[in-house]
Amino acid sequence: MDQLVKVREALQKGLLPQDIYDTISERFELVKQGITRIEKASGTHYPISYVEPSAILTSGSDMSFQYGILFARTLPVFFEEKFQVVIQISAPLVAFGLKGTIHAILAHEFLHYIELIRKISKMEMLSDEISSNLFENTYADSTRLFEPRAVFSDQTLLTHITKKFPTGFKDYKLEDKTDKFWISKQLPVTKVALDSNTVKLSAEALSKITIDPTLLQKIQEYELKESKLRKKKLY
């Protein structure tokens, strides 16, 4: 999959200026480096990913002025009756994010990916509830993921994740740049309601999903490592 195809289409349609397109294209190398790094540190292939040429904004269902910026999302999709997980990377992350931030967010979405596959393999993914409150959603986001140390062997990458996701992702400089150099310049924005950002798969759909046995074996290894880490923490 051409990961920048939507960015090029946005340029051709006049939705993105040439300088922003050039910045995204040049800095996409950081994304590729991050994916290679995560695959090496986890021993598992990264899922399909692409750059979404817009800032992704999310707000609660109460129509308040409170909103958050999503720099990446893990999206389960059915394409030609086949189940796939796609990582959607926002263009502002690529354009303005520091290397450590980009790698931490890519790693965080990878954790979402393997947790999603784990739940599907155990027939648990009938409804993934997302709170309509931004604070509650941040809390839920941090409680349904694998312990990073059980998945990644790269200590520097683990440090990036720990610093960026202590209780949910926060990078004030990146958010400020996104607001100043993207949103305020009226570049493309995608608005997503938190309570619509849910994963719901029917039992019938779940029964049709086939998962790579090698991936399932790796997930079992992660579960075993996570169990040992929890026991070590308790004692």
Protein backbone atom coordinates (compact mmCIF):
# COMPACT_ATOMS: atom_id res chain seq x y z
CA MET A 1 0.00 0.00 0.00
CA ASP A 2 1.26 3.50 -0.92
CA GLN A 3 1.19 5.17 2.48
CA LEU A 4 1.23 8.71 1.05
CA VAL A 5 -1.37 8.25 -1.70
CA LYS A 6 -4.03 10.32 0.10
CA VAL A 7 -1.53 13.10 0.76
CA ARG A 8 -0.69 13.31 -2.95
CA GLU A 9 -4.40 13.32 -3.83
CA ALA A 10 -4.95 16.20 -1.38
CA LEU A 11 -2.13 18.16 -3.07
CA GLN A 12 -3.58 17.54 -6.53
CA LYS A 13 -7.02 18.71 -5.37
CA GLY A 14 -5.54 21.88 -3.92
CA LEU A 15 -6.37 20.92 -0.34
CA LEU A 16 -2.74 21.00 0.77
CA PRO A 17 -0.14 23.65 -0.16
CA GLN A 18 3.09 22.53 -1.80
CA ASP A 19 5.28 23.41 1.20
CA ILE A 20 3.22 21.28 3.60
CA TYR A 21 3.22 18.39 1.11
CA ASP A 22 7.01 18.65 0.77
CA THR A 23 7.43 18.66 4.57
CA ILE A 24 5.25 15.56 4.98
CA SER A 25 7.07 13.74 2.16
CA GLU A 26 10.52 14.56 3.56
CA ARG A 27 9.65 13.73 7.19
CA PHE A 28 7.82 10.48 6.31
CA GLU A 29 11.22 8.82 6.59
CA LEU A 30 10.78 9.16 10.39
CA VAL A 31 7.58 7.10 10.14
CA LYS A 32 9.31 4.39 8.12
CA GLN A 33 12.17 4.31 10.63
CA GLY A 34 9.65 4.02 13.47
CA ILE A 35 7.81 1.11 11.86
CA THR A 36 11.09 -0.74 11.23
CA ARG A 37 12.13 -0.07 14.83
CA ILE A 38 8.83 -1.37 16.24
CA GLU A 39 8.96 -4.52 14.11
CA LYS A 40 12.51 -5.23 15.31
CA ALA A 41 11.64 -4.52 18.96
CA SER A 42 8.45 -6.64 18.94
CA GLY A 43 9.34 -9.40 16.50
CA THR A 44 6.02 -8.77 14.76
CA HIS A 45 5.02 -7.11 11.49
CA TYR A 46 3.40 -3.68 11.75
CA PRO A 47 -0.14 -3.54 10.32
CA ILE A 48 -1.09 -1.63 7.17
CA SER A 49 -0.75 2.12 7.69
CA TYR A 50 -1.30 5.33 5.75
CA VAL A 51 -1.11 9.10 6.28
CA GLU A 52 -4.47 10.87 6.53
CA PRO A 53 -4.05 14.40 5.05
CA SER A 54 -6.01 16.13 7.79
CA ALA A 55 -5.98 16.99 11.48
CA ILE A 56 -8.30 14.61 13.33
CA LEU A 57 -10.31 16.40 16.00
CA THR A 58 -12.55 14.68 18.50
CA SER A 59 -15.10 16.09 20.91
CA GLY A 60 -17.67 14.80 23.39
CA SER A 61 -21.32 14.22 22.58
CA ASP A 62 -22.35 17.09 24.88
CA MET A 63 -21.38 19.56 22.11
CA SER A 64 -19.01 21.41 24.47
CA PHE A 65 -15.99 23.37 23.26
CA GLN A 66 -13.71 20.71 24.72
CA TYR A 67 -11.89 18.84 21.97
CA GLY A 68 -8.82 16.73 21.54
CA ILE A 69 -6.43 16.06 18.67
CA LEU A 70 -5.95 12.46 17.60
CA PHE A 71 -2.56 11.98 15.97
CA ALA A 72 -3.18 8.35 14.99
CA ARG A 73 -5.99 5.80 15.13
CA THR A 74 -6.26 2.02 14.94
CA LEU A 75 -9.12 1.15 12.60
CA PRO A 76 -10.57 -2.36 12.10
CA VAL A 77 -12.07 -2.63 8.62
CA PHE A 78 -13.63 -5.22 6.33
CA PHE A 79 -12.36 -4.95 2.76
CA GLU A 80 -13.67 -7.35 0.11
CA GLU A 81 -15.01 -9.55 2.96
CA LYS A 82 -11.55 -9.72 4.53
CA PHE A 83 -10.77 -8.32 7.97
CA GLN A 84 -7.84 -5.93 8.28
CA VAL A 85 -6.50 -3.54 10.88
CA VAL A 86 -5.27 -0.21 9.51
CA ILE A 87 -3.26 2.43 11.36
CA GLN A 88 -4.34 5.93 10.33
CA ILE A 89 -1.53 8.45 10.89
CA SER A 90 -2.49 12.12 10.87
CA ALA A 91 -0.52 14.44 8.60
CA PRO A 92 0.21 16.99 11.37
CA LEU A 93 2.04 14.28 13.34
CA VAL A 94 4.33 13.63 10.38
CA ALA A 95 4.78 17.33 9.62
CA PHE A 96 5.41 18.62 13.14
CA GLY A 97 6.19 15.70 15.47
CA LEU A 98 9.64 15.03 16.91
CA LYS A 99 11.20 11.66 16.09
CA GLY A 100 10.63 10.29 19.61
CA THR A 101 7.00 11.44 19.59
CA ILE A 102 6.29 9.87 16.20
CA HIS A 103 7.84 6.57 17.27
CA ALA A 104 5.99 6.58 20.61
CA ILE A 105 2.62 7.16 18.93
CA LEU A 106 3.27 4.47 16.31
CA ALA A 107 4.23 2.06 19.11
CA HIS A 108 1.11 2.99 21.09
CA GLU A 109 -1.10 2.22 18.09
CA PHE A 110 0.76 -1.07 17.64
CA LEU A 111 -0.27 -1.96 21.21
CA HIS A 112 -3.87 -1.17 20.26
CA TYR A 113 -3.49 -3.43 17.24
CA ILE A 114 -2.25 -6.50 19.11
CA GLU A 115 -4.82 -5.97 21.89
CA LEU A 116 -7.55 -5.83 19.25
CA ILE A 117 -6.31 -9.05 17.66
CA ARG A 118 -6.06 -10.68 21.11
CA LYS A 119 -9.69 -9.83 21.88
CA ILE A 120 -10.89 -11.03 18.49
CA SER A 121 -9.02 -14.31 18.88
CA LYS A 122 -10.84 -14.86 22.19
CA MET A 123 -14.22 -13.73 20.78
CA GLU A 124 -14.29 -10.79 23.21
CA MET A 125 -14.72 -7.96 20.69
CA LEU A 126 -18.50 -7.60 20.51
CA SER A 127 -18.40 -3.99 21.66
CA ASP A 128 -15.44 -1.78 22.53
CA GLU A 129 -17.00 0.97 24.62
CA ILE A 130 -15.58 4.47 24.27
CA SER A 131 -16.63 7.14 26.77
CA SER A 132 -17.92 10.42 25.38
CA ASN A 133 -15.86 12.28 27.96
CA LEU A 134 -12.29 13.08 26.89
CA PHE A 135 -10.77 12.46 30.32
CA GLU A 136 -12.57 9.14 30.76
CA ASN A 137 -11.56 8.12 27.25
CA THR A 138 -7.90 8.80 28.04
CA TYR A 139 -8.20 6.58 31.13
CA ALA A 140 -9.90 3.78 29.19
CA ASP A 141 -7.27 4.05 26.46
CA SER A 142 -4.48 3.38 28.95
CA THR A 143 -6.19 0.46 30.67
CA ARG A 144 -6.88 -1.86 27.76
CA LEU A 145 -3.40 -2.20 26.31
CA PHE A 146 -0.54 -4.64 26.74
CA GLU A 147 2.24 -3.64 29.11
CA PRO A 148 4.82 -2.12 26.67
CA ARG A 149 7.72 -3.93 28.39
CA ALA A 150 6.07 -7.25 27.52
CA VAL A 151 6.08 -6.35 23.82
CA PHE A 152 9.12 -4.17 23.06
CA SER A 153 12.79 -4.94 23.70
CA ASP A 154 13.98 -1.44 22.71
CA GLN A 155 14.70 0.46 25.95
CA THR A 156 14.83 3.89 24.27
CA LEU A 157 11.48 3.25 22.62
CA LEU A 158 10.04 2.21 25.99
CA THR A 159 11.31 5.47 27.49
CA HIS A 160 9.59 7.47 24.72
CA ILE A 161 6.30 5.62 25.37
CA THR A 162 6.54 6.14 29.14
CA LYS A 163 7.22 9.88 28.75
CA LYS A 164 4.50 10.48 26.18
CA PHE A 165 1.81 8.23 27.67
CA PRO A 166 2.00 8.49 31.49
CA THR A 167 -1.82 8.74 31.76
CA GLY A 168 -2.74 9.30 28.13
CA PHE A 169 -0.86 11.05 25.34
CA LYS A 170 0.10 14.68 25.87
CA ASP A 171 2.52 16.77 23.82
CA TYR A 172 1.78 20.47 24.24
CA LYS A 173 4.34 21.59 21.64
CA LEU A 174 2.93 19.25 18.98
CA GLU A 175 -0.64 20.27 19.78
CA ASP A 176 0.32 23.96 19.64
CA LYS A 177 2.03 23.55 16.25
CA THR A 178 -0.96 21.62 14.91
CA ASP A 179 -3.30 24.37 16.06
CA LYS A 180 -1.08 27.22 14.80
CA PHE A 181 0.26 25.83 11.54
CA TRP A 182 -2.60 23.53 10.48
CA ILE A 183 -5.99 24.22 12.06
CA SER A 184 -5.64 28.03 12.13
CA LYS A 185 -4.52 28.01 8.49
CA GLN A 186 -7.76 26.18 7.63
CA LEU A 187 -6.04 23.10 6.29
CA PRO A 188 -8.17 19.92 6.13
CA VAL A 189 -9.78 18.81 9.40
CA THR A 190 -11.69 15.60 10.13
CA LYS A 191 -14.06 15.72 13.11
CA VAL A 192 -14.82 12.50 14.95
CA ALA A 193 -17.25 12.19 17.86
CA LEU A 194 -15.72 10.10 20.64
CA ASP A 195 -18.87 8.09 21.15
CA SER A 196 -18.84 7.15 17.46
CA ASN A 197 -15.20 6.06 17.58
CA THR A 198 -16.12 2.53 18.59
CA VAL A 199 -15.37 -1.00 17.51
CA LYS A 200 -18.43 -3.19 17.13
CA LEU A 201 -18.26 -6.55 15.44
CA SER A 202 -21.10 -9.03 15.33
CA ALA A 203 -20.63 -12.63 16.41
CA GLU A 204 -21.13 -13.65 12.77
CA ALA A 205 -18.40 -11.25 11.61
CA LEU A 206 -16.05 -12.49 14.34
CA SER A 207 -16.58 -16.10 13.30
CA LYS A 208 -15.40 -15.30 9.75
CA ILE A 209 -12.13 -13.69 10.81
CA THR A 210 -8.96 -15.68 10.32
CA ILE A 211 -5.81 -14.62 12.15
CA ASP A 212 -2.23 -15.45 11.25
CA PRO A 213 -1.13 -18.30 13.59
CA THR A 214 2.34 -16.73 13.87
CA LEU A 215 0.80 -13.50 15.18
CA LEU A 216 -1.31 -15.42 17.70
CA GLN A 217 1.80 -17.22 18.92
CA LYS A 218 3.58 -13.88 19.43
CA ILE A 219 0.57 -12.51 21.34
CA GLN A 220 0.70 -15.56 23.63
CA GLU A 221 4.38 -14.78 24.25
CA TYR A 222 3.46 -11.18 25.12
CA GLU A 223 0.77 -12.44 27.53
CA LEU A 224 3.27 -14.72 29.26
CA LYS A 225 5.82 -11.90 29.62
CA GLU A 226 3.12 -9.56 30.90
CA SER A 227 2.03 -12.12 33.50
CA LYS A 228 5.63 -12.50 34.72
CA LEU A 229 6.03 -8.70 34.94
CA ARG A 230 2.86 -8.42 37.04
CA LYS A 231 4.01 -11.16 39.41
CA LYS A 232 7.40 -9.48 39.74
CA LYS A 233 5.68 -6.19 40.56
CA LEU A 234 3.49 -7.84 43.21
CA TYR A 235 6.37 -9.59 44.94
